[in-house]
Amino acid sequence: MSDPAPTYPITDAVQAAMAVSLRGCEELLPRDDWMKKLARSAATGRPLRIKLGLDPTAPDIHIGHTVVLNKMRQLQDLGHTVIFLIGDFTSMIGDPSGRNATRPPLTREQIEANAQTYYRQASLVLDPAKTEIRYNSEWSDPLGARGMIELAAKYTLARMLERDDFTKRFKAGNPISVHELLYPLMQGYDSVALKSDLELGGTDQKFNLLVGRALQSEYGQEPQCILTMPLLEGLDGVEKMSKSKGNYIGITDPANEMFAKVLSISDTLMWKWFTLLSFRAEAEIAALKREVEGGRNPKDAKVMLAKEITARFHDAGAADAAAADFQRRAAGGVPDEIPELTLGGAPLAIGALLKQAGLVPSTSEGLRLIEQGGVRVDGGVVGDKGLKLAAGTFVVQVGKRKFARVTLGA
């Protein structure tokens, strides 16, 4: 009979680490197991191995992706080993999470091009000196056909079809390709290869994370815990942040644009963004919220959030400059840096000018905005859709954020 596993004391430091783990998270499973892992780490000095896998399906990361990266950084700052896993192998399968149709696999060239930017952008949140970078092709490619069959034998089809999106597609008669069933297995095998203690992901990744836990048990390892983070609502406050929905802030957006976009969110959504995106202490955020509820202008808090986010992806000086630029715009001023271009064809109709300057997608959209009072030339509101501009240089503004200095020639 084997000796019982040793128990380790739950100290104040362990309790504090658990509080950091739970901040803003959706689920931490099993919570008791994670507490035991934290206690063992504190007593033995052995850092825990914390894994996050991202498939390089697009070349850029938006701040919605950084919700999980922020949690990684918080745990990294506690001294644990953070593994940033680039899914160059799994990208060729295509993650079916949350999809009602087969996801087209990426080519090797697309994967490599996207992967080049992923870690550089993630390093704006993580500490590069303390981050372990891995690619899952390291162990997935050598598996071969025999290894894939042996891996597939460790999980049943019945359990795979418990997955919500597979169940819905099966009932609806939508096709499920066999290779899609391999995706959760390959992601789970990543946890085996890395011997992870904790895997992070969005709420849509829960099934895949649990597969990793099950496979570790099959391979005789201590099962990982899983921590899921909420999906961040985008600028509209309704849909999850997504480039396809246009409600996102890219982490490579210019500082002025990033700052202004944060200020555009609702006062209600602001507090969720504070919890998920700010590194301020929870007590500090709670005190700030009480001040706002007591009569302080919520814009003051939003400016603090916008500065913090902008400084993280640029620097403090850029954040201050973006705040000053926003104030000038709010007062009707022109930003310091705006696009400059030269057009011909004077006299040119205002609708055509707006389209050629790239300020609107179509002439009809430009005319619609004129009807709504959303177009200015040299600070004056344009009310005539038939306006034609003679040769000269003009500052043209559409809405609150789009500007161009246009030099119009014959």
Protein backbone atom coordinates (compact mmCIF):
# COMPACT_ATOMS: atom_id res chain seq x y z
CA MET A 1 0.00 0.00 0.00
CA SER A 2 1.46 3.36 -1.04
CA ASP A 3 1.96 6.13 1.49
CA PRO A 4 -0.70 8.85 1.50
CA ALA A 5 0.22 12.05 -0.30
CA PRO A 6 1.65 14.64 2.09
CA THR A 7 -0.51 17.58 3.06
CA TYR A 8 0.80 21.13 3.06
CA PRO A 9 -0.33 24.11 5.15
CA ILE A 10 -2.79 26.65 3.74
CA THR A 11 -0.90 29.81 4.66
CA ASP A 12 -1.94 33.44 4.17
CA ALA A 13 0.27 33.54 1.06
CA VAL A 14 -1.55 30.52 -0.35
CA GLN A 15 -4.91 32.14 0.35
CA ALA A 16 -3.71 35.31 -1.38
CA ALA A 17 -2.59 33.28 -4.42
CA MET A 18 -6.03 31.67 -4.55
CA ALA A 19 -7.64 35.12 -4.50
CA VAL A 20 -5.46 36.16 -7.46
CA SER A 21 -6.48 32.98 -9.28
CA LEU A 22 -10.19 33.62 -8.73
CA ARG A 23 -10.22 37.29 -9.69
CA GLY A 24 -12.61 37.71 -12.61
CA CYS A 25 -12.58 34.01 -13.49
CA GLU A 26 -15.65 32.14 -14.66
CA GLU A 27 -14.73 28.73 -13.26
CA LEU A 28 -11.79 27.14 -11.43
CA LEU A 29 -12.08 23.36 -11.40
CA PRO A 30 -11.53 21.55 -9.10
CA ARG A 31 -10.95 24.41 -6.69
CA ASP A 32 -9.77 22.18 -3.82
CA ASP A 33 -7.16 20.56 -6.07
CA TRP A 34 -5.81 23.97 -7.08
CA MET A 35 -5.55 25.03 -3.45
CA LYS A 36 -3.53 21.86 -2.75
CA LYS A 37 -1.25 22.56 -5.71
CA LEU A 38 -0.67 26.13 -4.50
CA ALA A 39 0.08 24.92 -0.98
CA ARG A 40 2.53 22.29 -2.24
CA SER A 41 4.27 24.87 -4.43
CA ALA A 42 4.60 27.31 -1.56
CA ALA A 43 5.99 24.64 0.78
CA THR A 44 8.41 23.05 -1.69
CA GLY A 45 9.41 26.09 -3.74
CA ARG A 46 8.54 24.27 -6.97
CA PRO A 47 6.72 26.59 -9.38
CA LEU A 48 3.52 25.31 -10.93
CA ARG A 49 3.33 24.86 -14.70
CA ILE A 50 0.59 27.02 -16.20
CA LYS A 51 -0.36 26.54 -19.81
CA LEU A 52 -2.18 28.68 -22.35
CA GLY A 53 -2.52 27.52 -25.93
CA LEU A 54 -3.41 29.85 -28.80
CA ASP A 55 -3.85 28.81 -32.39
CA PRO A 56 -2.40 31.44 -34.75
CA THR A 57 -5.58 31.69 -36.84
CA ALA A 58 -5.15 35.45 -37.42
CA PRO A 59 -2.10 37.70 -37.44
CA ASP A 60 -3.17 40.06 -34.67
CA ILE A 61 -4.41 39.93 -31.10
CA HIS A 62 -7.13 42.23 -29.73
CA ILE A 63 -7.59 43.14 -26.07
CA GLY A 64 -10.31 40.52 -25.70
CA HIS A 65 -7.54 37.93 -26.08
CA THR A 66 -5.57 39.61 -23.31
CA VAL A 67 -8.16 38.72 -20.65
CA VAL A 68 -6.55 35.28 -20.37
CA LEU A 69 -3.05 36.72 -20.88
CA ASN A 70 -3.66 39.08 -17.95
CA LYS A 71 -4.48 36.14 -15.72
CA MET A 72 -1.31 34.41 -16.92
CA ARG A 73 0.71 37.50 -16.00
CA GLN A 74 -0.85 37.64 -12.53
CA LEU A 75 0.11 34.00 -11.90
CA GLN A 76 3.52 34.60 -13.46
CA ASP A 77 4.11 37.43 -10.99
CA LEU A 78 3.48 34.91 -8.18
CA GLY A 79 6.52 33.00 -9.40
CA HIS A 80 4.92 30.24 -11.44
CA THR A 81 6.11 28.97 -14.83
CA VAL A 82 4.02 30.27 -17.70
CA ILE A 83 3.95 28.26 -20.93
CA PHE A 84 2.78 30.15 -23.99
CA LEU A 85 1.87 27.40 -26.42
CA ILE A 86 1.52 28.23 -30.10
CA GLY A 87 -0.75 25.67 -31.74
CA ASP A 88 1.00 25.37 -35.07
CA PHE A 89 -0.11 21.71 -35.35
CA THR A 90 -3.69 22.13 -34.09
CA SER A 91 -4.19 25.12 -36.39
CA MET A 92 -4.02 22.72 -39.31
CA ILE A 93 -7.07 20.91 -37.88
CA GLY A 94 -9.12 23.97 -36.95
CA ASP A 95 -10.77 24.33 -33.52
CA PRO A 96 -14.50 23.51 -33.83
CA SER A 97 -15.35 25.22 -30.50
CA GLY A 98 -18.59 27.15 -30.78
CA ARG A 99 -18.91 26.56 -34.51
CA ASN A 100 -21.88 25.17 -36.42
CA ALA A 101 -19.81 24.25 -39.47
CA THR A 102 -16.43 22.72 -40.21
CA ARG A 103 -13.67 25.28 -39.85
CA PRO A 104 -11.36 25.42 -42.89
CA PRO A 105 -7.84 24.37 -41.84
CA LEU A 106 -5.05 26.88 -42.39
CA THR A 107 -2.07 26.27 -44.63
CA ARG A 108 1.40 25.92 -43.15
CA GLU A 109 2.35 29.27 -44.72
CA GLN A 110 -0.62 31.04 -43.08
CA ILE A 111 0.17 29.47 -39.71
CA GLU A 112 3.83 30.46 -39.82
CA ALA A 113 3.03 34.02 -40.89
CA ASN A 114 0.51 34.46 -38.06
CA ALA A 115 2.70 32.79 -35.44
CA GLN A 116 5.51 35.29 -36.10
CA THR A 117 3.43 38.11 -34.62
CA TYR A 118 1.66 36.20 -31.81
CA TYR A 119 4.40 36.01 -29.22
CA ARG A 120 5.67 39.52 -29.93
CA GLN A 121 2.20 40.88 -29.20
CA ALA A 122 1.62 38.60 -26.20
CA SER A 123 4.91 39.87 -24.74
CA LEU A 124 3.23 43.24 -24.24
CA VAL A 125 1.36 41.52 -21.39
CA LEU A 126 3.58 38.60 -20.32
CA ASP A 127 7.11 38.93 -18.97
CA PRO A 128 9.20 37.55 -21.87
CA ALA A 129 12.12 36.68 -19.59
CA LYS A 130 9.89 34.37 -17.53
CA THR A 131 7.82 32.83 -20.32
CA GLU A 132 8.41 29.40 -21.85
CA ILE A 133 7.53 29.35 -25.56
CA ARG A 134 6.50 26.03 -27.11
CA TYR A 135 4.98 24.82 -30.38
CA ASN A 136 2.75 21.75 -30.25
CA SER A 137 4.20 20.37 -33.47
CA GLU A 138 7.20 19.40 -31.25
CA TRP A 139 5.34 16.34 -29.94
CA SER A 140 2.34 16.12 -32.28
CA ASP A 141 4.28 15.59 -35.52
CA PRO A 142 6.35 12.67 -34.10
CA LEU A 143 3.19 10.83 -32.94
CA GLY A 144 2.59 9.40 -36.40
CA ALA A 145 -0.32 7.16 -37.35
CA ARG A 146 0.35 4.58 -34.62
CA GLY A 147 0.56 7.22 -31.92
CA MET A 148 -2.65 8.90 -33.10
CA ILE A 149 -4.50 5.58 -32.95
CA GLU A 150 -3.18 4.89 -29.45
CA LEU A 151 -4.20 8.38 -28.35
CA ALA A 152 -7.69 8.05 -29.86
CA ALA A 153 -8.15 4.77 -27.95
CA LYS A 154 -8.01 6.69 -24.67
CA TYR A 155 -11.26 8.64 -25.24
CA THR A 156 -14.73 7.47 -26.28
CA LEU A 157 -16.99 8.79 -29.02
CA ALA A 158 -19.84 9.03 -26.53
CA ARG A 159 -17.84 11.43 -24.37
CA MET A 160 -16.79 13.42 -27.43
CA LEU A 161 -20.42 13.85 -28.51
CA GLU A 162 -21.27 15.26 -25.08
CA ARG A 163 -19.63 18.42 -26.38
CA ASP A 164 -22.37 20.97 -26.94
CA ASP A 165 -21.42 22.19 -30.41
CA PHE A 166 -20.96 18.63 -31.71
CA THR A 167 -24.36 17.64 -30.26
CA LYS A 168 -26.13 20.57 -31.89
CA ARG A 169 -24.53 19.92 -35.27
CA PHE A 170 -25.31 16.19 -35.07
CA LYS A 171 -28.97 16.82 -34.24
CA ALA A 172 -29.27 19.45 -36.96
CA GLY A 173 -27.82 17.10 -39.54
CA ASN A 174 -24.79 19.33 -40.11
CA PRO A 175 -21.63 17.43 -41.04
CA ILE A 176 -18.92 16.73 -38.47
CA SER A 177 -15.63 15.72 -40.05
CA VAL A 178 -13.66 12.99 -38.30
CA HIS A 179 -10.59 15.23 -38.10
CA GLU A 180 -12.57 17.66 -35.90
CA LEU A 181 -12.92 14.94 -33.27
CA LEU A 182 -9.13 14.87 -33.11
CA TYR A 183 -8.86 18.52 -32.07
CA PRO A 184 -9.83 18.12 -28.39
CA LEU A 185 -7.59 15.05 -28.20
CA MET A 186 -4.59 16.90 -29.59
CA GLN A 187 -5.15 19.89 -27.30
CA GLY A 188 -5.48 17.50 -24.37
CA TYR A 189 -2.29 15.71 -25.38
CA ASP A 190 -0.51 19.08 -25.20
CA SER A 191 -1.19 19.01 -21.45
CA VAL A 192 0.32 15.55 -21.22
CA ALA A 193 3.43 16.61 -23.13
CA LEU A 194 3.90 19.74 -21.01
CA LYS A 195 2.88 18.13 -17.67
CA SER A 196 0.75 21.19 -16.96
CA ASP A 197 -0.69 21.89 -13.49
CA LEU A 198 -3.23 24.43 -14.75
CA GLU A 199 -4.62 25.22 -18.18
CA LEU A 200 -6.35 28.51 -18.96
CA GLY A 201 -8.86 29.35 -21.64
CA GLY A 202 -12.06 31.17 -22.49
CA THR A 203 -15.41 29.75 -21.42
CA ASP A 204 -15.80 28.28 -24.91
CA GLN A 205 -12.73 26.09 -24.27
CA LYS A 206 -14.05 24.25 -21.19
CA PHE A 207 -14.61 20.92 -22.95
CA ASN A 208 -11.13 20.89 -24.49
CA LEU A 209 -9.53 21.73 -21.13
CA LEU A 210 -11.38 18.87 -19.45
CA VAL A 211 -10.15 16.47 -22.13
CA GLY A 212 -6.60 17.42 -21.17
CA ARG A 213 -7.38 16.61 -17.56
CA ALA A 214 -8.81 13.20 -18.52
CA LEU A 215 -5.85 12.33 -20.77
CA GLN A 216 -3.32 13.20 -18.07
CA SER A 217 -5.02 10.64 -15.81
CA GLU A 218 -4.83 8.07 -18.65
CA TYR A 219 -1.09 8.71 -18.92
CA GLY A 220 -0.55 8.39 -15.17
CA GLN A 221 -0.05 12.10 -14.49
CA GLU A 222 -1.63 14.27 -11.82
CA PRO A 223 -4.59 15.90 -13.63
CA GLN A 224 -4.37 19.59 -14.35
CA CYS A 225 -6.85 22.06 -12.96
CA ILE A 226 -8.70 24.30 -15.39
CA LEU A 227 -9.45 27.99 -15.18
CA THR A 228 -11.82 29.66 -17.62
CA MET A 229 -12.14 33.39 -18.12
CA PRO A 230 -15.24 35.21 -19.41
CA LEU A 231 -15.41 36.33 -23.01
CA LEU A 232 -15.03 40.11 -23.09
CA GLU A 233 -17.89 42.11 -24.55
CA GLY A 234 -16.71 44.49 -27.24
CA LEU A 235 -17.26 48.22 -27.71
CA ASP A 236 -20.97 47.68 -28.37
CA GLY A 237 -21.42 46.12 -24.93
CA VAL A 238 -23.44 43.23 -26.41
CA GLU A 239 -21.43 40.89 -28.62
CA LYS A 240 -18.11 39.34 -27.61
CA MET A 241 -15.14 41.30 -28.89
CA SER A 242 -14.41 40.25 -32.44
CA LYS A 243 -12.66 41.68 -35.47
CA SER A 244 -15.44 40.35 -37.70
CA LYS A 245 -17.99 42.37 -35.69
CA GLY A 246 -15.85 45.52 -35.73
CA ASN A 247 -16.26 46.02 -31.97
CA TYR A 248 -12.65 45.43 -31.01
CA ILE A 249 -9.50 47.26 -29.91
CA GLY A 250 -6.36 45.82 -31.48
CA ILE A 251 -3.34 45.81 -29.20
CA THR A 252 -1.35 47.38 -32.04
CA ASP A 253 -3.91 50.18 -32.58
CA PRO A 254 -2.42 53.71 -32.40
CA ALA A 255 -2.45 55.16 -28.88
CA ASN A 256 -4.94 57.92 -29.68
CA GLU A 257 -7.37 55.45 -31.26
CA MET A 258 -7.00 52.96 -28.41
CA PHE A 259 -7.63 55.62 -25.76
CA ALA A 260 -10.70 57.01 -27.56
CA LYS A 261 -12.18 53.54 -28.07
CA VAL A 262 -11.92 52.72 -24.36
CA LEU A 263 -13.69 55.97 -23.53
CA SER A 264 -16.52 55.01 -25.88
CA ILE A 265 -17.68 52.01 -23.81
CA SER A 266 -20.69 52.30 -21.51
CA ASP A 267 -20.37 53.25 -17.85
CA THR A 268 -21.78 49.83 -16.92
CA LEU A 269 -19.39 47.80 -19.08
CA MET A 270 -16.47 49.83 -17.73
CA TRP A 271 -16.49 47.94 -14.40
CA LYS A 272 -16.25 44.52 -16.06
CA TRP A 273 -13.35 45.84 -18.14
CA PHE A 274 -11.69 47.07 -14.92
CA THR A 275 -11.96 43.58 -13.42
CA LEU A 276 -10.71 41.72 -16.49
CA LEU A 277 -8.22 44.16 -18.03
CA SER A 278 -6.84 46.33 -15.21
CA PHE A 279 -3.95 45.34 -12.96
CA ARG A 280 -5.24 47.61 -10.19
CA ALA A 281 -6.04 45.91 -6.87
CA GLU A 282 -9.66 44.82 -6.49
CA ALA A 283 -9.97 46.95 -3.36
CA GLU A 284 -8.86 50.02 -5.32
CA ILE A 285 -11.41 49.33 -8.05
CA ALA A 286 -14.17 48.80 -5.47
CA ALA A 287 -13.29 52.12 -3.80
CA LEU A 288 -13.36 53.89 -7.16
CA LYS A 289 -16.78 52.40 -7.93
CA ARG A 290 -18.12 53.63 -4.58
CA GLU A 291 -16.87 57.13 -5.41
CA VAL A 292 -18.72 57.05 -8.75
CA GLU A 293 -21.87 55.77 -7.07
CA GLY A 294 -21.45 58.63 -4.61
CA GLY A 295 -21.47 61.26 -7.34
CA ARG A 296 -18.00 61.31 -8.92
CA ASN A 297 -18.10 61.65 -12.71
CA PRO A 298 -17.77 58.12 -14.19
CA LYS A 299 -15.67 59.61 -16.98
CA ASP A 300 -12.86 60.14 -14.43
CA ALA A 301 -12.74 56.37 -13.84
CA LYS A 302 -12.96 55.62 -17.55
CA VAL A 303 -10.03 57.93 -18.26
CA MET A 304 -7.99 56.04 -15.65
CA LEU A 305 -8.83 52.75 -17.37
CA ALA A 306 -8.10 54.14 -20.84
CA LYS A 307 -4.72 55.48 -19.68
CA GLU A 308 -3.76 52.17 -18.07
CA ILE A 309 -4.64 50.10 -21.14
CA THR A 310 -3.00 52.55 -23.55
CA ALA A 311 0.17 52.73 -21.43
CA ARG A 312 0.41 48.92 -21.34
CA PHE A 313 0.54 48.62 -25.11
CA HIS A 314 2.44 51.88 -25.74
CA ASP A 315 3.88 53.79 -22.77
CA ALA A 316 2.81 56.32 -20.13
CA GLY A 317 3.84 59.28 -22.28
CA ALA A 318 1.75 58.06 -25.19
CA ALA A 319 -1.23 57.55 -22.87
CA ASP A 320 -0.95 61.11 -21.54
CA ALA A 321 -0.65 62.47 -25.08
CA ALA A 322 -3.70 60.44 -26.15
CA ALA A 323 -5.70 61.87 -23.24
CA ALA A 324 -4.71 65.42 -24.23
CA ASP A 325 -5.57 64.70 -27.86
CA PHE A 326 -8.99 63.39 -26.84
CA GLN A 327 -9.68 66.56 -24.87
CA ARG A 328 -8.82 68.68 -27.92
CA ARG A 329 -11.17 66.66 -30.08
CA ALA A 330 -13.95 66.89 -27.50
CA ALA A 331 -13.55 70.66 -27.57
CA GLY A 332 -13.81 70.65 -31.36
CA GLY A 333 -10.08 70.73 -32.02
CA VAL A 334 -8.12 68.77 -34.59
CA PRO A 335 -5.75 65.96 -33.52
CA ASP A 336 -2.02 66.58 -33.82
CA GLU A 337 -1.53 63.82 -36.38
CA ILE A 338 -4.06 63.18 -39.14
CA PRO A 339 -3.72 61.60 -42.59
CA GLU A 340 -2.73 63.99 -45.37
CA LEU A 341 -3.51 63.33 -49.02
CA THR A 342 -3.80 65.06 -52.36
CA LEU A 343 -6.77 64.63 -54.70
CA GLY A 344 -7.57 65.99 -58.13
CA GLY A 345 -10.79 66.91 -59.91
CA ALA A 346 -11.68 70.26 -58.33
CA PRO A 347 -14.39 71.31 -58.02
CA LEU A 348 -15.20 67.94 -56.42
CA ALA A 349 -18.54 66.87 -54.93
CA ILE A 350 -18.39 66.39 -51.17
CA GLY A 351 -19.66 62.80 -51.35
CA ALA A 352 -16.97 61.82 -53.85
CA LEU A 353 -14.31 63.60 -51.80
CA LEU A 354 -15.26 61.71 -48.64
CA LYS A 355 -15.04 58.38 -50.46
CA GLN A 356 -11.76 59.16 -52.26
CA ALA A 357 -10.24 60.35 -48.98
CA GLY A 358 -11.09 56.99 -47.38
CA LEU A 359 -13.33 58.58 -44.76
CA VAL A 360 -16.43 56.62 -45.81
CA PRO A 361 -16.85 53.29 -47.63
CA SER A 362 -19.19 54.74 -50.28
CA THR A 363 -20.51 58.03 -51.61
CA SER A 364 -24.03 57.13 -50.44
CA GLU A 365 -22.75 56.56 -46.90
CA GLY A 366 -21.08 59.98 -47.01
CA LEU A 367 -24.34 61.63 -48.10
CA ARG A 368 -26.22 59.84 -45.35
CA LEU A 369 -23.77 61.17 -42.76
CA ILE A 370 -24.18 64.69 -44.15
CA GLU A 371 -27.93 64.38 -43.60
CA GLN A 372 -27.20 63.45 -39.97
CA GLY A 373 -24.85 66.40 -39.45
CA GLY A 374 -21.83 64.12 -39.12
CA VAL A 375 -19.50 65.78 -41.64
CA ARG A 376 -17.40 68.92 -41.09
CA VAL A 377 -15.08 70.87 -43.36
CA ASP A 378 -12.66 73.21 -41.57
CA GLY A 379 -14.79 72.91 -38.44
CA GLY A 380 -18.08 73.85 -40.07
CA VAL A 381 -20.94 71.35 -40.34
CA VAL A 382 -21.77 70.45 -43.95
CA GLY A 383 -25.51 70.68 -44.56
CA ASP A 384 -25.62 70.65 -48.36
CA LYS A 385 -25.26 67.24 -50.01
CA GLY A 386 -24.65 69.01 -53.31
CA LEU A 387 -21.62 70.92 -52.01
CA LYS A 388 -18.62 71.05 -54.38
CA LEU A 389 -15.22 72.01 -53.05
CA ALA A 390 -12.89 74.20 -55.07
CA ALA A 391 -9.11 73.76 -55.19
CA GLY A 392 -7.42 74.28 -51.82
CA THR A 393 -6.51 72.51 -48.57
CA PHE A 394 -9.21 71.48 -46.09
CA VAL A 395 -9.49 69.58 -42.82
CA VAL A 396 -12.36 67.15 -43.32
CA GLN A 397 -13.95 65.37 -40.35
CA VAL A 398 -16.41 62.48 -40.30
CA GLY A 399 -17.96 61.63 -36.95
CA LYS A 400 -15.85 62.11 -33.84
CA ARG A 401 -12.67 60.27 -34.83
CA LYS A 402 -12.04 60.37 -38.57
CA PHE A 403 -9.99 63.28 -39.91
CA ALA A 404 -8.03 63.99 -43.07
CA ARG A 405 -6.17 67.02 -44.36
CA VAL A 406 -7.07 67.07 -48.05
CA THR A 407 -5.28 69.14 -50.67
CA LEU A 408 -7.57 69.36 -53.68
CA GLY A 409 -6.19 70.25 -57.07
CA ALA A 410 -7.74 70.76 -60.50
